[in-house]
C-alpha atoms as a PDB file:
ATOM      1  CA  MET A   1     131.282  22.962 -47.716  1.00  0.00           C
ATOM      2  CA  PHE A   2     129.638  20.965 -44.957  1.00  0.00           C
ATOM      3  CA  GLY A   3     131.301  23.065 -42.284  1.00  0.00           C
ATOM      4  CA  SER A   4     129.281  26.103 -43.259  1.00  0.00           C
ATOM      5  CA  LEU A   5     126.112  23.988 -43.318  1.00  0.00           C
ATOM      6  CA  ASN A   6     126.817  22.763 -39.799  1.00  0.00           C
ATOM      7  CA  GLY A   7     127.375  26.339 -38.677  1.00  0.00           C
ATOM      8  CA  LEU A   8     124.098  27.369 -40.276  1.00  0.00           C
ATOM      9  CA  LEU A   9     122.244  24.525 -38.561  1.00  0.00           C
ATOM     10  CA  TYR A  10     123.840  25.446 -35.243  1.00  0.00           C
ATOM     11  CA  THR A  11     122.774  29.069 -35.698  1.00  0.00           C
ATOM     12  CA  GLY A  12     119.237  27.954 -36.506  1.00  0.00           C
ATOM     13  CA  TYR A  13     119.115  25.723 -33.435  1.00  0.00           C
ATOM     14  CA  MET A  14     120.349  28.541 -31.232  1.00  0.00           C
ATOM     15  CA  PHE A  15     117.719  30.877 -32.664  1.00  0.00           C
ATOM     16  CA  ILE A  16     114.931  28.374 -31.933  1.00  0.00           C
ATOM     17  CA  LEU A  17     116.376  27.691 -28.476  1.00  0.00           C
ATOM     18  CA  LYS A  18     116.378  31.428 -27.657  1.00  0.00           C
ATOM     19  CA  ILE A  19     112.749  31.742 -28.768  1.00  0.00           C
ATOM     20  CA  ILE A  20     111.714  28.798 -26.598  1.00  0.00           C
ATOM     21  CA  LEU A  21     113.674  30.117 -23.613  1.00  0.00           C
ATOM     22  CA  LYS A  22     112.112  33.566 -23.959  1.00  0.00           C
ATOM     23  CA  TRP A  23     108.667  31.962 -24.204  1.00  0.00           C
ATOM     24  CA  ILE A  24     109.301  30.030 -20.973  1.00  0.00           C
ATOM     25  CA  VAL A  25     110.636  33.175 -19.278  1.00  0.00           C
ATOM     26  CA  LEU A  26     107.516  35.059 -20.395  1.00  0.00           C
ATOM     27  CA  ALA A  27     105.352  32.326 -18.865  1.00  0.00           C
ATOM     28  CA  ALA A  28     107.401  32.495 -15.659  1.00  0.00           C
ATOM     29  CA  ALA A  29     107.040  36.285 -15.638  1.00  0.00           C
ATOM     30  CA  ALA A  30     103.271  35.901 -15.949  1.00  0.00           C
ATOM     31  CA  MET A  31     103.288  33.505 -13.004  1.00  0.00           C
ATOM     32  CA  LEU A  32     105.441  35.961 -11.040  1.00  0.00           C
ATOM     33  CA  ALA A  33     103.046  38.793 -11.842  1.00  0.00           C
ATOM     34  CA  THR A  34     100.140  36.595 -10.706  1.00  0.00           C
ATOM     35  CA  HIS A  35     102.007  35.844  -7.490  1.00  0.00           C
ATOM     36  CA  PHE A  36     102.297  39.555  -6.676  1.00  0.00           C
ATOM     37  CA  ILE A  37      98.946  40.586  -8.182  1.00  0.00           C
ATOM     38  CA  PRO A  38      96.341  37.815  -7.672  1.00  0.00           C
ATOM     39  CA  ALA A  39      93.709  39.672  -9.734  1.00  0.00           C
ATOM     40  CA  ILE A  40      95.504  38.647 -12.935  1.00  0.00           C
ATOM     41  CA  GLY A  41      94.239  35.090 -12.505  1.00  0.00           C
ATOM     42  CA  ILE A  42      96.830  32.964 -14.316  1.00  0.00           C
ATOM     43  CA  SER A  43      96.817  29.994 -11.971  1.00  0.00           C
ATOM     44  CA  ALA A  44      98.567  27.120 -13.763  1.00  0.00           C
ATOM     45  CA  TRP A  45     101.694  26.685 -15.859  1.00  0.00           C
ATOM     46  CA  ASN A  46      99.777  25.539 -18.916  1.00  0.00           C
ATOM     47  CA  THR A  47      97.710  28.718 -18.746  1.00  0.00           C
ATOM     48  CA  ALA A  48     100.913  30.727 -18.330  1.00  0.00           C
ATOM     49  CA  LEU A  49     102.458  29.072 -21.397  1.00  0.00           C
ATOM     50  CA  VAL A  50      99.359  29.849 -23.470  1.00  0.00           C
ATOM     51  CA  PHE A  51      99.439  33.408 -22.117  1.00  0.00           C
ATOM     52  CA  GLY A  52     103.095  33.687 -23.125  1.00  0.00           C
ATOM     53  CA  LEU A  53     102.277  32.559 -26.644  1.00  0.00           C
ATOM     54  CA  VAL A  54      99.287  34.903 -26.988  1.00  0.00           C
ATOM     55  CA  PHE A  55     101.081  37.884 -25.435  1.00  0.00           C
ATOM     56  CA  GLY A  56     104.123  37.278 -27.604  1.00  0.00           C
ATOM     57  CA  LEU A  57     102.019  37.160 -30.774  1.00  0.00           C
ATOM     58  CA  ILE A  58     100.148  40.303 -29.733  1.00  0.00           C
ATOM     59  CA  ASN A  59     103.471  42.066 -29.127  1.00  0.00           C
ATOM     60  CA  ILE A  60     104.756  40.965 -32.529  1.00  0.00           C
ATOM     61  CA  PHE A  61     101.732  41.866 -34.658  1.00  0.00           C
ATOM     62  CA  ILE A  62      99.594  44.459 -32.839  1.00  0.00           C
ATOM     63  CA  LYS A  63     101.997  46.449 -30.657  1.00  0.00           C
ATOM     64  CA  PRO A  64     103.992  47.999 -33.546  1.00  0.00           C
ATOM     65  CA  ILE A  65     100.788  49.287 -35.130  1.00  0.00           C
ATOM     66  CA  LEU A  66      99.537  50.767 -31.856  1.00  0.00           C
ATOM     67  CA  SER A  67     102.961  52.258 -31.134  1.00  0.00           C
ATOM     68  CA  ILE A  68     103.023  54.044 -34.492  1.00  0.00           C
ATOM     69  CA  LEU A  69      99.456  55.297 -34.083  1.00  0.00           C
ATOM     70  CA  SER A  70     100.176  56.591 -30.570  1.00  0.00           C
ATOM     71  CA  ILE A  71     103.329  58.565 -31.416  1.00  0.00           C
ATOM     72  CA  PRO A  72     101.660  62.001 -30.974  1.00  0.00           C
ATOM     73  CA  ILE A  73     100.247  61.211 -27.519  1.00  0.00           C
ATOM     74  CA  ASN A  74     103.500  59.460 -26.634  1.00  0.00           C
ATOM     75  CA  ILE A  75     105.377  62.663 -27.409  1.00  0.00           C
ATOM     76  CA  LEU A  76     102.962  64.697 -25.291  1.00  0.00           C
ATOM     77  CA  THR A  77     103.265  62.331 -22.319  1.00  0.00           C
ATOM     78  CA  LEU A  78     107.038  61.900 -22.718  1.00  0.00           C
ATOM     79  CA  GLY A  79     106.659  58.187 -23.403  1.00  0.00           C
ATOM     80  CA  LEU A  80     104.401  57.306 -20.491  1.00  0.00           C
ATOM     81  CA  PHE A  81     101.555  56.412 -22.830  1.00  0.00           C
ATOM     82  CA  GLY A  82     103.674  53.434 -23.889  1.00  0.00           C
ATOM     83  CA  LEU A  83     102.921  51.944 -20.461  1.00  0.00           C
ATOM     84  CA  VAL A  84      99.210  52.359 -21.148  1.00  0.00           C
ATOM     85  CA  VAL A  85      99.526  50.635 -24.524  1.00  0.00           C
ATOM     86  CA  ASN A  86     101.480  47.786 -22.947  1.00  0.00           C
ATOM     87  CA  ALA A  87      98.907  47.464 -20.149  1.00  0.00           C
ATOM     88  CA  LEU A  88      96.049  47.349 -22.671  1.00  0.00           C
ATOM     89  CA  LEU A  89      97.820  44.616 -24.637  1.00  0.00           C
ATOM     90  CA  PHE A  90      98.430  42.726 -21.386  1.00  0.00           C
ATOM     91  CA  LEU A  91      94.769  43.161 -20.511  1.00  0.00           C
ATOM     92  CA  GLY A  92      93.713  41.830 -23.914  1.00  0.00           C
ATOM     93  CA  ALA A  93      96.012  38.806 -23.700  1.00  0.00           C
ATOM     94  CA  THR A  94      94.780  38.012 -20.198  1.00  0.00           C
ATOM     95  CA  TYR A  95      91.189  38.224 -21.365  1.00  0.00           C
ATOM     96  CA  LEU A  96      91.848  35.981 -24.361  1.00  0.00           C
ATOM     97  CA  VAL A  97      93.529  33.333 -22.203  1.00  0.00           C
ATOM     98  CA  THR A  98      91.526  33.363 -18.969  1.00  0.00           C
ATOM     99  CA  ALA A  99      88.212  34.780 -20.274  1.00  0.00           C
ATOM    100  CA  GLN A 100      87.957  37.115 -17.295  1.00  0.00           C
ATOM    101  CA  ILE A 101      88.178  40.876 -17.265  1.00  0.00           C
ATOM    102  CA  ILE A 102      90.711  42.305 -14.843  1.00  0.00           C
ATOM    103  CA  PRO A 103      90.850  45.952 -13.769  1.00  0.00           C
ATOM    104  CA  PHE A 104      93.255  48.325 -15.475  1.00  0.00           C
ATOM    105  CA  MET A 105      95.629  48.956 -12.557  1.00  0.00           C
ATOM    106  CA  PRO A 106      96.472  45.258 -11.973  1.00  0.00           C
ATOM    107  CA  ALA A 107      97.046  44.958 -15.726  1.00  0.00           C
ATOM    108  CA  LEU A 108      99.359  47.979 -15.602  1.00  0.00           C
ATOM    109  CA  PHE A 109     101.411  46.618 -12.712  1.00  0.00           C
ATOM    110  CA  GLY A 110     101.424  43.124 -14.213  1.00  0.00           C
ATOM    111  CA  SER A 111     102.680  44.463 -17.525  1.00  0.00           C
ATOM    112  CA  ILE A 112     105.431  46.368 -15.715  1.00  0.00           C
ATOM    113  CA  ILE A 113     106.525  43.188 -13.906  1.00  0.00           C
ATOM    114  CA  VAL A 114     106.496  41.210 -17.156  1.00  0.00           C
ATOM    115  CA  SER A 115     108.385  43.982 -18.964  1.00  0.00           C
ATOM    116  CA  VAL A 116     111.126  44.128 -16.332  1.00  0.00           C
ATOM    117  CA  VAL A 117     111.544  40.343 -16.300  1.00  0.00           C
ATOM    118  CA  MET A 118     111.634  40.194 -20.104  1.00  0.00           C
ATOM    119  CA  TRP A 119     114.147  43.059 -20.204  1.00  0.00           C
ATOM    120  CA  LEU A 120     116.396  41.051 -17.870  1.00  0.00           C
ATOM    121  CA  ALA A 121     115.887  37.944 -20.019  1.00  0.00           C
ATOM    122  CA  HIS A 122     116.879  39.842 -23.172  1.00  0.00           C
ATOM    123  CA  PHE A 123     119.903  41.199 -21.327  1.00  0.00           C
ATOM    124  CA  PHE A 124     121.114  37.725 -20.319  1.00  0.00           C
ATOM    125  CA  LEU A 125     120.003  35.701 -23.353  1.00  0.00           C
ATOM    126  CA  ASP A 126     121.253  37.996 -26.138  1.00  0.00           C
END
């Protein structure tokens, strides 16, 4: 009886650990994007951690809605509009955290860097 409870607790701990690791990787990806694209303006680790939290919450709650609403234009552009949606969400998260407006192209390239790093993190952590 207690063996299954211990397994359940272990599974819960691993789930929380994966979330925390992905949050830290997202913050590191934001710092990496800032290193390559200084216009993004995330200068400290605490800012990067807050950005990771905000960007993660935006991706959880807002991105699915925007993805469903943009299906027709996504079909017309063969999926490239998904990059625009991701860049706009990145732009919004950056504005919420740093209170500065960055141009669209740095947001696009920053979102691509963050997406590639998070793809690698999902590949190695899952």
